[in-house]
Amino acid sequence: MEKKNKIPRRKRCYNSGKIGGINYLHALRKFRDADNIIHTMGMHPVNPMNNGLKPSRPYWMHMAVDILMLATCGNIFLQKDWRQSRGARIEYRIARFMGLTVWEGDNRGIDK
């Protein structure tokens, strides 16, 4: 059976930050900017804004898909506002449980 994902897990980095409660277009720009940072770090960004669901779908549905996306990664990048997001805090806890390398804002590689 052919592998669906050709980018190695260790080179994939989940992009985590606040989405809810802010303007959707602002969130798109913020996540695109974080994707660019992840690229400069030599990794492939995995962006939950591109999870295939319409923004109007329920929160729990977005979180379920996002956690599945997170599970394909070896790293998580936490945007500066991640502590203000319930979803990002959940993603952080799961990433730590799974042993992902955690990168926070400008402090890259804060814990492993």
PDB file of N, CA and C in Angstrom:
ATOM      1  N   MET A   1       0.837  -1.176   0.000  1.00  0.00           N
ATOM      2  CA  MET A   1       0.000   0.000   0.000  1.00  0.00           C
ATOM      3  C   MET A   1       0.886   1.245   0.000  1.00  0.00           C
ATOM      4  N   GLU A   2       0.564   2.198  -0.847  1.00  0.00           N
ATOM      5  CA  GLU A   2       1.358   3.416  -0.985  1.00  0.00           C
ATOM      6  C   GLU A   2       1.132   4.334   0.204  1.00  0.00           C
ATOM      7  N   LYS A   3       2.210   4.944   0.677  1.00  0.00           N
ATOM      8  CA  LYS A   3       2.107   5.898   1.774  1.00  0.00           C
ATOM      9  C   LYS A   3       1.418   7.157   1.291  1.00  0.00           C
ATOM     10  N   LYS A   4       0.438   7.612   2.057  1.00  0.00           N
ATOM     11  CA  LYS A   4      -0.305   8.804   1.694  1.00  0.00           C
ATOM     12  C   LYS A   4       0.504  10.073   1.941  1.00  0.00           C
ATOM     13  N   ASN A   5       1.290  10.071   3.011  1.00  0.00           N
ATOM     14  CA  ASN A   5       2.035  11.255   3.405  1.00  0.00           C
ATOM     15  C   ASN A   5       3.523  11.015   3.171  1.00  0.00           C
ATOM     16  N   LYS A   6       4.110  11.728   2.235  1.00  0.00           N
ATOM     17  CA  LYS A   6       5.508  11.497   1.873  1.00  0.00           C
ATOM     18  C   LYS A   6       6.497  12.309   2.701  1.00  0.00           C
ATOM     19  N   ILE A   7       6.021  13.303   3.418  1.00  0.00           N
ATOM     20  CA  ILE A   7       6.907  14.116   4.249  1.00  0.00           C
ATOM     21  C   ILE A   7       7.075  13.398   5.591  1.00  0.00           C
ATOM     22  N   PRO A   8       8.321  13.136   6.000  1.00  0.00           N
ATOM     23  CA  PRO A   8       8.534  12.408   7.263  1.00  0.00           C
ATOM     24  C   PRO A   8       7.927  13.141   8.457  1.00  0.00           C
ATOM     25  N   ARG A   9       7.430  12.377   9.402  1.00  0.00           N
ATOM     26  CA  ARG A   9       6.781  12.934  10.588  1.00  0.00           C
ATOM     27  C   ARG A   9       7.688  13.937  11.294  1.00  0.00           C
ATOM     28  N   ARG A  10       8.968  13.650  11.382  1.00  0.00           N
ATOM     29  CA  ARG A  10       9.897  14.527  12.099  1.00  0.00           C
ATOM     30  C   ARG A  10      10.067  15.879  11.411  1.00  0.00           C
ATOM     31  N   LYS A  11       9.692  15.987  10.128  1.00  0.00           N
ATOM     32  CA  LYS A  11       9.808  17.245   9.379  1.00  0.00           C
ATOM     33  C   LYS A  11       8.473  17.988   9.298  1.00  0.00           C
ATOM     34  N   ARG A  12       7.421  17.402   9.866  1.00  0.00           N
ATOM     35  CA  ARG A  12       6.105  18.034   9.845  1.00  0.00           C
ATOM     36  C   ARG A  12       5.899  18.785  11.159  1.00  0.00           C
ATOM     37  N   CYS A  13       5.394  20.016  11.058  1.00  0.00           N
ATOM     38  CA  CYS A  13       5.214  20.856  12.242  1.00  0.00           C
ATOM     39  C   CYS A  13       3.791  21.416  12.257  1.00  0.00           C
ATOM     40  N   TYR A  14       3.034  21.066  13.281  1.00  0.00           N
ATOM     41  CA  TYR A  14       1.659  21.530  13.445  1.00  0.00           C
ATOM     42  C   TYR A  14       1.664  22.979  13.922  1.00  0.00           C
ATOM     43  N   ASN A  15       0.875  23.806  13.287  1.00  0.00           N
ATOM     44  CA  ASN A  15       0.781  25.238  13.564  1.00  0.00           C
ATOM     45  C   ASN A  15      -0.393  25.466  14.512  1.00  0.00           C
ATOM     46  N   SER A  16      -0.134  25.918  15.735  1.00  0.00           N
ATOM     47  CA  SER A  16      -1.184  26.054  16.743  1.00  0.00           C
ATOM     48  C   SER A  16      -1.268  27.486  17.258  1.00  0.00           C
ATOM     49  N   GLY A  17      -2.483  28.008  17.313  1.00  0.00           N
ATOM     50  CA  GLY A  17      -2.701  29.359  17.820  1.00  0.00           C
ATOM     51  C   GLY A  17      -4.182  29.652  17.930  1.00  0.00           C
ATOM     52  N   LYS A  18      -4.493  30.864  18.344  1.00  0.00           N
ATOM     53  CA  LYS A  18      -5.878  31.291  18.548  1.00  0.00           C
ATOM     54  C   LYS A  18      -6.580  31.504  17.210  1.00  0.00           C
ATOM     55  N   ILE A  19      -7.759  30.906  17.077  1.00  0.00           N
ATOM     56  CA  ILE A  19      -8.596  31.102  15.890  1.00  0.00           C
ATOM     57  C   ILE A  19      -9.933  31.718  16.305  1.00  0.00           C
ATOM     58  N   GLY A  20     -10.592  31.100  17.275  1.00  0.00           N
ATOM     59  CA  GLY A  20     -11.907  31.569  17.719  1.00  0.00           C
ATOM     60  C   GLY A  20     -11.833  32.918  18.408  1.00  0.00           C
ATOM     61  N   GLY A  21     -12.886  33.722  18.205  1.00  0.00           N
ATOM     62  CA  GLY A  21     -12.967  35.012  18.880  1.00  0.00           C
ATOM     63  C   GLY A  21     -12.221  36.135  18.185  1.00  0.00           C
ATOM     64  N   ILE A  22     -11.578  35.833  17.046  1.00  0.00           N
ATOM     65  CA  ILE A  22     -10.919  36.895  16.266  1.00  0.00           C
ATOM     66  C   ILE A  22     -11.456  36.847  14.835  1.00  0.00           C
ATOM     67  N   ASN A  23     -11.257  37.916  14.117  1.00  0.00           N
ATOM     68  CA  ASN A  23     -11.700  37.993  12.725  1.00  0.00           C
ATOM     69  C   ASN A  23     -11.067  36.864  11.920  1.00  0.00           C
ATOM     70  N   TYR A  24     -11.887  36.163  11.139  1.00  0.00           N
ATOM     71  CA  TYR A  24     -11.423  34.995  10.388  1.00  0.00           C
ATOM     72  C   TYR A  24     -10.280  35.348   9.434  1.00  0.00           C
ATOM     73  N   LEU A  25     -10.371  36.487   8.737  1.00  0.00           N
ATOM     74  CA  LEU A  25      -9.301  36.876   7.809  1.00  0.00           C
ATOM     75  C   LEU A  25      -8.009  37.201   8.556  1.00  0.00           C
ATOM     76  N   HIS A  26      -8.145  37.786   9.739  1.00  0.00           N
ATOM     77  CA  HIS A  26      -6.963  38.044  10.566  1.00  0.00           C
ATOM     78  C   HIS A  26      -6.313  36.717  10.977  1.00  0.00           C
ATOM     79  N   ALA A  27      -7.144  35.748  11.369  1.00  0.00           N
ATOM     80  CA  ALA A  27      -6.626  34.429  11.744  1.00  0.00           C
ATOM     81  C   ALA A  27      -5.908  33.772  10.558  1.00  0.00           C
ATOM     82  N   LEU A  28      -6.490  33.869   9.362  1.00  0.00           N
ATOM     83  CA  LEU A  28      -5.837  33.302   8.169  1.00  0.00           C
ATOM     84  C   LEU A  28      -4.459  33.907   7.950  1.00  0.00           C
ATOM     85  N   ARG A  29      -4.346  35.232   8.063  1.00  0.00           N
ATOM     86  CA  ARG A  29      -3.049  35.908   7.888  1.00  0.00           C
ATOM     87  C   ARG A  29      -2.056  35.485   8.967  1.00  0.00           C
ATOM     88  N   LYS A  30      -2.538  35.413  10.203  1.00  0.00           N
ATOM     89  CA  LYS A  30      -1.688  35.038  11.336  1.00  0.00           C
ATOM     90  C   LYS A  30      -1.131  33.623  11.150  1.00  0.00           C
ATOM     91  N   PHE A  31      -1.969  32.704  10.716  1.00  0.00           N
ATOM     92  CA  PHE A  31      -1.514  31.329  10.495  1.00  0.00           C
ATOM     93  C   PHE A  31      -0.600  31.242   9.273  1.00  0.00           C
ATOM     94  N   ARG A  32      -0.858  32.031   8.255  1.00  0.00           N
ATOM     95  CA  ARG A  32       0.036  32.049   7.085  1.00  0.00           C
ATOM     96  C   ARG A  32       1.420  32.568   7.493  1.00  0.00           C
ATOM     97  N   ASP A  33       1.448  33.618   8.317  1.00  0.00           N
ATOM     98  CA  ASP A  33       2.728  34.145   8.793  1.00  0.00           C
ATOM     99  C   ASP A  33       3.487  33.095   9.612  1.00  0.00           C
ATOM    100  N   ALA A  34       2.771  32.368  10.468  1.00  0.00           N
ATOM    101  CA  ALA A  34       3.405  31.316  11.261  1.00  0.00           C
ATOM    102  C   ALA A  34       3.893  30.184  10.356  1.00  0.00           C
ATOM    103  N   ASP A  35       3.133  29.872   9.295  1.00  0.00           N
ATOM    104  CA  ASP A  35       3.585  28.865   8.320  1.00  0.00           C
ATOM    105  C   ASP A  35       4.928  29.270   7.720  1.00  0.00           C
ATOM    106  N   ASN A  36       5.076  30.551   7.427  1.00  0.00           N
ATOM    107  CA  ASN A  36       6.341  31.042   6.858  1.00  0.00           C
ATOM    108  C   ASN A  36       7.495  30.854   7.849  1.00  0.00           C
ATOM    109  N   ILE A  37       7.252  31.090   9.123  1.00  0.00           N
ATOM    110  CA  ILE A  37       8.281  30.876  10.145  1.00  0.00           C
ATOM    111  C   ILE A  37       8.663  29.397  10.188  1.00  0.00           C
ATOM    112  N   ILE A  38       7.655  28.537  10.161  1.00  0.00           N
ATOM    113  CA  ILE A  38       7.906  27.088  10.188  1.00  0.00           C
ATOM    114  C   ILE A  38       8.747  26.673   8.982  1.00  0.00           C
ATOM    115  N   HIS A  39       8.442  27.245   7.809  1.00  0.00           N
ATOM    116  CA  HIS A  39       9.244  26.968   6.599  1.00  0.00           C
ATOM    117  C   HIS A  39      10.700  27.377   6.813  1.00  0.00           C
ATOM    118  N   THR A  40      10.920  28.566   7.402  1.00  0.00           N
ATOM    119  CA  THR A  40      12.296  29.036   7.602  1.00  0.00           C
ATOM    120  C   THR A  40      13.046  28.159   8.605  1.00  0.00           C
ATOM    121  N   MET A  41      12.315  27.438   9.436  1.00  0.00           N
ATOM    122  CA  MET A  41      12.919  26.507  10.388  1.00  0.00           C
ATOM    123  C   MET A  41      13.254  25.170   9.711  1.00  0.00           C
ATOM    124  N   GLY A  42      12.914  25.056   8.420  1.00  0.00           N
ATOM    125  CA  GLY A  42      13.240  23.841   7.674  1.00  0.00           C
ATOM    126  C   GLY A  42      12.218  22.729   7.800  1.00  0.00           C
ATOM    127  N   MET A  43      10.998  23.093   8.189  1.00  0.00           N
ATOM    128  CA  MET A  43       9.953  22.086   8.350  1.00  0.00           C
ATOM    129  C   MET A  43       8.754  22.394   7.464  1.00  0.00           C
ATOM    130  N   HIS A  44       7.901  21.391   7.325  1.00  0.00           N
ATOM    131  CA  HIS A  44       6.668  21.525   6.540  1.00  0.00           C
ATOM    132  C   HIS A  44       5.512  21.865   7.491  1.00  0.00           C
ATOM    133  N   PRO A  45       4.854  23.037   7.314  1.00  0.00           N
ATOM    134  CA  PRO A  45       3.766  23.400   8.210  1.00  0.00           C
ATOM    135  C   PRO A  45       2.500  22.581   7.961  1.00  0.00           C
ATOM    136  N   VAL A  46       1.842  22.214   9.044  1.00  0.00           N
ATOM    137  CA  VAL A  46       0.533  21.560   8.990  1.00  0.00           C
ATOM    138  C   VAL A  46      -0.433  22.541   9.649  1.00  0.00           C
ATOM    139  N   ASN A  47      -1.294  23.126   8.838  1.00  0.00           N
ATOM    140  CA  ASN A  47      -2.110  24.260   9.247  1.00  0.00           C
ATOM    141  C   ASN A  47      -3.564  23.845   9.478  1.00  0.00           C
ATOM    142  N   PRO A  48      -4.082  23.988  10.715  1.00  0.00           N
ATOM    143  CA  PRO A  48      -5.463  23.603  10.987  1.00  0.00           C
ATOM    144  C   PRO A  48      -6.497  24.477  10.275  1.00  0.00           C
ATOM    145  N   MET A  49      -6.080  25.631   9.779  1.00  0.00           N
ATOM    146  CA  MET A  49      -7.008  26.463   9.004  1.00  0.00           C
ATOM    147  C   MET A  49      -7.319  25.792   7.658  1.00  0.00           C
ATOM    148  N   ASN A  50      -6.507  24.812   7.298  1.00  0.00           N
ATOM    149  CA  ASN A  50      -6.699  24.064   6.050  1.00  0.00           C
ATOM    150  C   ASN A  50      -7.118  22.625   6.346  1.00  0.00           C
ATOM    151  N   ASN A  51      -8.011  22.443   7.309  1.00  0.00           N
ATOM    152  CA  ASN A  51      -8.386  21.090   7.714  1.00  0.00           C
ATOM    153  C   ASN A  51      -9.511  20.486   6.873  1.00  0.00           C
ATOM    154  N   GLY A  52     -10.001  21.216   5.877  1.00  0.00           N
ATOM    155  CA  GLY A  52     -11.030  20.689   4.993  1.00  0.00           C
ATOM    156  C   GLY A  52     -12.453  20.919   5.466  1.00  0.00           C
ATOM    157  N   LEU A  53     -12.613  21.482   6.658  1.00  0.00           N
ATOM    158  CA  LEU A  53     -13.949  21.762   7.179  1.00  0.00           C
ATOM    159  C   LEU A  53     -14.328  23.216   6.947  1.00  0.00           C
ATOM    160  N   LYS A  54     -15.613  23.460   6.776  1.00  0.00           N
ATOM    161  CA  LYS A  54     -16.093  24.841   6.690  1.00  0.00           C
ATOM    162  C   LYS A  54     -15.960  25.481   8.069  1.00  0.00           C
ATOM    163  N   PRO A  55     -15.651  26.774   8.104  1.00  0.00           N
ATOM    164  CA  PRO A  55     -15.539  27.449   9.407  1.00  0.00           C
ATOM    165  C   PRO A  55     -16.810  27.334  10.255  1.00  0.00           C
ATOM    166  N   SER A  56     -17.958  27.150   9.629  1.00  0.00           N
ATOM    167  CA  SER A  56     -19.225  27.079  10.354  1.00  0.00           C
ATOM    168  C   SER A  56     -19.466  25.732  11.050  1.00  0.00           C
ATOM    169  N   ARG A  57     -18.625  24.744  10.811  1.00  0.00           N
ATOM    170  CA  ARG A  57     -18.796  23.439  11.461  1.00  0.00           C
ATOM    171  C   ARG A  57     -18.543  23.599  12.966  1.00  0.00           C
ATOM    172  N   PRO A  58     -19.108  22.706  13.788  1.00  0.00           N
ATOM    173  CA  PRO A  58     -18.966  22.836  15.247  1.00  0.00           C
ATOM    174  C   PRO A  58     -17.507  22.750  15.718  1.00  0.00           C
ATOM    175  N   TYR A  59     -17.255  23.405  16.830  1.00  0.00           N
ATOM    176  CA  TYR A  59     -15.921  23.439  17.432  1.00  0.00           C
ATOM    177  C   TYR A  59     -15.366  22.030  17.639  1.00  0.00           C
ATOM    178  N   TRP A  60     -16.179  21.135  18.212  1.00  0.00           N
ATOM    179  CA  TRP A  60     -15.711  19.778  18.503  1.00  0.00           C
ATOM    180  C   TRP A  60     -15.259  19.064  17.243  1.00  0.00           C
ATOM    181  N   MET A  61     -15.932  19.333  16.130  1.00  0.00           N
ATOM    182  CA  MET A  61     -15.577  18.688  14.867  1.00  0.00           C
ATOM    183  C   MET A  61     -14.212  19.191  14.385  1.00  0.00           C
ATOM    184  N   HIS A  62     -13.992  20.497  14.484  1.00  0.00           N
ATOM    185  CA  HIS A  62     -12.684  21.060  14.120  1.00  0.00           C
ATOM    186  C   HIS A  62     -11.596  20.469  14.995  1.00  0.00           C
ATOM    187  N   MET A  63     -11.836  20.365  16.299  1.00  0.00           N
ATOM    188  CA  MET A  63     -10.821  19.833  17.205  1.00  0.00           C
ATOM    189  C   MET A  63     -10.500  18.375  16.887  1.00  0.00           C
ATOM    190  N   ALA A  64     -11.515  17.581  16.566  1.00  0.00           N
ATOM    191  CA  ALA A  64     -11.277  16.170  16.257  1.00  0.00           C
ATOM    192  C   ALA A  64     -10.375  16.035  15.029  1.00  0.00           C
ATOM    193  N   VAL A  65     -10.670  16.795  13.985  1.00  0.00           N
ATOM    194  CA  VAL A  65      -9.854  16.740  12.764  1.00  0.00           C
ATOM    195  C   VAL A  65      -8.465  17.307  13.028  1.00  0.00           C
ATOM    196  N   ASP A  66      -8.399  18.401  13.776  1.00  0.00           N
ATOM    197  CA  ASP A  66      -7.105  19.024  14.071  1.00  0.00           C
ATOM    198  C   ASP A  66      -6.195  18.082  14.869  1.00  0.00           C
ATOM    199  N   ILE A  67      -6.748  17.350  15.812  1.00  0.00           N
ATOM    200  CA  ILE A  67      -5.947  16.411  16.604  1.00  0.00           C
ATOM    201  C   ILE A  67      -5.421  15.282  15.718  1.00  0.00           C
ATOM    202  N   LEU A  68      -6.228  14.838  14.767  1.00  0.00           N
ATOM    203  CA  LEU A  68      -5.744  13.831  13.815  1.00  0.00           C
ATOM    204  C   LEU A  68      -4.593  14.393  12.982  1.00  0.00           C
ATOM    205  N   MET A  69      -4.688  15.662  12.596  1.00  0.00           N
ATOM    206  CA  MET A  69      -3.601  16.303  11.855  1.00  0.00           C
ATOM    207  C   MET A  69      -2.352  16.407  12.728  1.00  0.00           C
ATOM    208  N   LEU A  70      -2.535  16.790  13.978  1.00  0.00           N
ATOM    209  CA  LEU A  70      -1.432  16.915  14.926  1.00  0.00           C
ATOM    210  C   LEU A  70      -0.698  15.577  15.081  1.00  0.00           C
ATOM    211  N   ALA A  71      -1.451  14.484  15.068  1.00  0.00           N
ATOM    212  CA  ALA A  71      -0.864  13.150  15.264  1.00  0.00           C
ATOM    213  C   ALA A  71       0.063  12.737  14.123  1.00  0.00           C
ATOM    214  N   THR A  72       0.007  13.449  13.000  1.00  0.00           N
ATOM    215  CA  THR A  72       0.895  13.130  11.870  1.00  0.00           C
ATOM    216  C   THR A  72       2.218  13.886  11.953  1.00  0.00           C
ATOM    217  N   CYS A  73       2.389  14.690  13.005  1.00  0.00           N
ATOM    218  CA  CYS A  73       3.538  15.586  13.101  1.00  0.00           C
ATOM    219  C   CYS A  73       4.518  15.150  14.190  1.00  0.00           C
ATOM    220  N   GLY A  74       5.761  15.599  14.044  1.00  0.00           N
ATOM    221  CA  GLY A  74       6.779  15.378  15.066  1.00  0.00           C
ATOM    222  C   GLY A  74       7.082  16.632  15.854  1.00  0.00           C
ATOM    223  N   ASN A  75       6.446  17.748  15.464  1.00  0.00           N
ATOM    224  CA  ASN A  75       6.697  19.048  16.088  1.00  0.00           C
ATOM    225  C   ASN A  75       5.390  19.814  16.185  1.00  0.00           C
ATOM    226  N   ILE A  76       5.356  20.758  17.133  1.00  0.00           N
ATOM    227  CA  ILE A  76       4.245  21.701  17.207  1.00  0.00           C
ATOM    228  C   ILE A  76       4.832  23.097  17.394  1.00  0.00           C
ATOM    229  N   PHE A  77       4.324  24.053  16.627  1.00  0.00           N
ATOM    230  CA  PHE A  77       4.723  25.457  16.744  1.00  0.00           C
ATOM    231  C   PHE A  77       3.583  26.200  17.418  1.00  0.00           C
ATOM    232  N   LEU A  78       3.847  26.780  18.582  1.00  0.00           N
ATOM    233  CA  LEU A  78       2.837  27.522  19.330  1.00  0.00           C
ATOM    234  C   LEU A  78       2.995  29.012  19.051  1.00  0.00           C
ATOM    235  N   GLN A  79       1.979  29.593  18.441  1.00  0.00           N
ATOM    236  CA  GLN A  79       2.008  31.031  18.187  1.00  0.00           C
ATOM    237  C   GLN A  79       1.972  31.778  19.516  1.00  0.00           C
ATOM    238  N   LYS A  80       2.337  33.053  19.480  1.00  0.00           N
ATOM    239  CA  LYS A  80       2.454  33.844  20.713  1.00  0.00           C
ATOM    240  C   LYS A  80       1.160  33.889  21.524  1.00  0.00           C
ATOM    241  N   ASP A  81       0.007  33.773  20.859  1.00  0.00           N
ATOM    242  CA  ASP A  81      -1.280  33.877  21.555  1.00  0.00           C
ATOM    243  C   ASP A  81      -1.871  32.519  21.950  1.00  0.00           C
ATOM    244  N   TRP A  82      -1.095  31.454  21.891  1.00  0.00           N
ATOM    245  CA  TRP A  82      -1.651  30.119  22.086  1.00  0.00           C
ATOM    246  C   TRP A  82      -2.285  29.926  23.460  1.00  0.00           C
ATOM    247  N   ARG A  83      -1.796  30.616  24.472  1.00  0.00           N
ATOM    248  CA  ARG A  83      -2.359  30.446  25.820  1.00  0.00           C
ATOM    249  C   ARG A  83      -3.767  31.019  25.949  1.00  0.00           C
ATOM    250  N   GLN A  84      -4.167  31.898  25.031  1.00  0.00           N
ATOM    251  CA  GLN A  84      -5.519  32.467  25.043  1.00  0.00           C
ATOM    252  C   GLN A  84      -6.515  31.596  24.278  1.00  0.00           C
ATOM    253  N   SER A  85      -6.087  30.445  23.800  1.00  0.00           N
ATOM    254  CA  SER A  85      -6.936  29.568  23.010  1.00  0.00           C
ATOM    255  C   SER A  85      -7.133  28.220  23.709  1.00  0.00           C
ATOM    256  N   ARG A  86      -8.361  27.899  24.013  1.00  0.00           N
ATOM    257  CA  ARG A  86      -8.650  26.600  24.630  1.00  0.00           C
ATOM    258  C   ARG A  86      -8.169  25.463  23.732  1.00  0.00           C
ATOM    259  N   GLY A  87      -8.436  25.557  22.425  1.00  0.00           N
ATOM    260  CA  GLY A  87      -8.016  24.512  21.490  1.00  0.00           C
ATOM    261  C   GLY A  87      -6.503  24.351  21.433  1.00  0.00           C
ATOM    262  N   ALA A  88      -5.768  25.465  21.394  1.00  0.00           N
ATOM    263  CA  ALA A  88      -4.303  25.395  21.346  1.00  0.00           C
ATOM    264  C   ALA A  88      -3.738  24.799  22.637  1.00  0.00           C
ATOM    265  N   ARG A  89      -4.371  25.104  23.776  1.00  0.00           N
ATOM    266  CA  ARG A  89      -3.909  24.509  25.041  1.00  0.00           C
ATOM    267  C   ARG A  89      -4.132  23.001  25.041  1.00  0.00           C
ATOM    268  N   ILE A  90      -5.241  22.549  24.473  1.00  0.00           N
ATOM    269  CA  ILE A  90      -5.499  21.114  24.343  1.00  0.00           C
ATOM    270  C   ILE A  90      -4.464  20.492  23.407  1.00  0.00           C
ATOM    271  N   GLU A  91      -4.210  21.145  22.279  1.00  0.00           N
ATOM    272  CA  GLU A  91      -3.218  20.633  21.316  1.00  0.00           C
ATOM    273  C   GLU A  91      -1.835  20.540  21.960  1.00  0.00           C
ATOM    274  N   TYR A  92      -1.485  21.519  22.767  1.00  0.00           N
ATOM    275  CA  TYR A  92      -0.202  21.499  23.466  1.00  0.00           C
ATOM    276  C   TYR A  92      -0.100  20.282  24.388  1.00  0.00           C
ATOM    277  N   ARG A  93      -1.151  20.046  25.169  1.00  0.00           N
ATOM    278  CA  ARG A  93      -1.132  18.900  26.089  1.00  0.00           C
ATOM    279  C   ARG A  93      -0.997  17.578  25.329  1.00  0.00           C
ATOM    280  N   ILE A  94      -1.704  17.455  24.231  1.00  0.00           N
ATOM    281  CA  ILE A  94      -1.624  16.234  23.423  1.00  0.00           C
ATOM    282  C   ILE A  94      -0.227  16.097  22.820  1.00  0.00           C
ATOM    283  N   ALA A  95       0.327  17.200  22.327  1.00  0.00           N
ATOM    284  CA  ALA A  95       1.674  17.172  21.742  1.00  0.00           C
ATOM    285  C   ALA A  95       2.703  16.722  22.781  1.00  0.00           C
ATOM    286  N   ARG A  96       2.608  17.227  23.996  1.00  0.00           N
ATOM    287  CA  ARG A  96       3.529  16.806  25.070  1.00  0.00           C
ATOM    288  C   ARG A  96       3.352  15.329  25.371  1.00  0.00           C
ATOM    289  N   PHE A  97       2.103  14.873  25.438  1.00  0.00           N
ATOM    290  CA  PHE A  97       1.807  13.461  25.698  1.00  0.00           C
ATOM    291  C   PHE A  97       2.415  12.570  24.617  1.00  0.00           C
ATOM    292  N   MET A  98       2.369  13.030  23.365  1.00  0.00           N
ATOM    293  CA  MET A  98       2.883  12.254  22.237  1.00  0.00           C
ATOM    294  C   MET A  98       4.389  12.389  22.065  1.00  0.00           C
ATOM    295  N   GLY A  99       5.029  13.276  22.835  1.00  0.00           N
ATOM    296  CA  GLY A  99       6.476  13.438  22.762  1.00  0.00           C
ATOM    297  C   GLY A  99       6.960  14.306  21.613  1.00  0.00           C
ATOM    298  N   LEU A 100       6.091  15.187  21.094  1.00  0.00           N
ATOM    299  CA  LEU A 100       6.493  16.084  20.018  1.00  0.00           C
ATOM    300  C   LEU A 100       7.468  17.136  20.532  1.00  0.00           C
ATOM    301  N   THR A 101       8.320  17.633  19.653  1.00  0.00           N
ATOM    302  CA  THR A 101       9.164  18.779  19.982  1.00  0.00           C
ATOM    303  C   THR A 101       8.288  20.019  19.935  1.00  0.00           C
ATOM    304  N   VAL A 102       8.396  20.844  20.970  1.00  0.00           N
ATOM    305  CA  VAL A 102       7.555  22.035  21.099  1.00  0.00           C
ATOM    306  C   VAL A 102       8.388  23.273  20.777  1.00  0.00           C
ATOM    307  N   TRP A 103       7.887  24.083  19.847  1.00  0.00           N
ATOM    308  CA  TRP A 103       8.512  25.348  19.462  1.00  0.00           C
ATOM    309  C   TRP A 103       7.510  26.441  19.811  1.00  0.00           C
ATOM    310  N   GLU A 104       7.949  27.447  20.546  1.00  0.00           N
ATOM    311  CA  GLU A 104       7.032  28.504  20.955  1.00  0.00           C
ATOM    312  C   GLU A 104       7.465  29.848  20.395  1.00  0.00           C
ATOM    313  N   GLY A 105       6.628  30.448  19.585  1.00  0.00           N
ATOM    314  CA  GLY A 105       6.889  31.770  19.034  1.00  0.00           C
ATOM    315  C   GLY A 105       8.314  31.937  18.564  1.00  0.00           C
ATOM    316  N   ASP A 106       9.014  32.907  19.151  1.00  0.00           N
ATOM    317  CA  ASP A 106      10.407  33.151  18.782  1.00  0.00           C
ATOM    318  C   ASP A 106      11.380  32.293  19.579  1.00  0.00           C
ATOM    319  N   ASN A 107      10.902  31.617  20.614  1.00  0.00           N
ATOM    320  CA  ASN A 107      11.763  30.743  21.428  1.00  0.00           C
ATOM    321  C   ASN A 107      11.685  29.329  20.876  1.00  0.00           C
ATOM    322  N   ARG A 108      12.496  29.042  19.909  1.00  0.00           N
ATOM    323  CA  ARG A 108      12.402  27.762  19.206  1.00  0.00           C
ATOM    324  C   ARG A 108      13.061  26.644  20.001  1.00  0.00           C
ATOM    325  N   GLY A 109      12.338  25.556  20.156  1.00  0.00           N
ATOM    326  CA  GLY A 109      12.870  24.391  20.836  1.00  0.00           C
ATOM    327  C   GLY A 109      12.866  24.493  22.351  1.00  0.00           C
ATOM    328  N   ILE A 110      11.791  25.058  22.940  1.00  0.00           N
ATOM    329  CA  ILE A 110      11.771  25.265  24.384  1.00  0.00           C
ATOM    330  C   ILE A 110      11.745  23.968  25.173  1.00  0.00           C
ATOM    331  N   ASP A 111      11.048  22.959  24.660  1.00  0.00           N
ATOM    332  CA  ASP A 111      11.134  21.674  25.322  1.00  0.00           C
ATOM    333  C   ASP A 111      10.930  20.554  24.332  1.00  0.00           C
ATOM    334  N   LYS A 112      11.319  19.380  24.766  1.00  0.00           N
ATOM    335  CA  LYS A 112      11.250  18.229  23.866  1.00  0.00           C
ATOM    336  C   LYS A 112      10.420  17.160  24.508  1.00  0.00           C
TER     337      LYS A 112
END
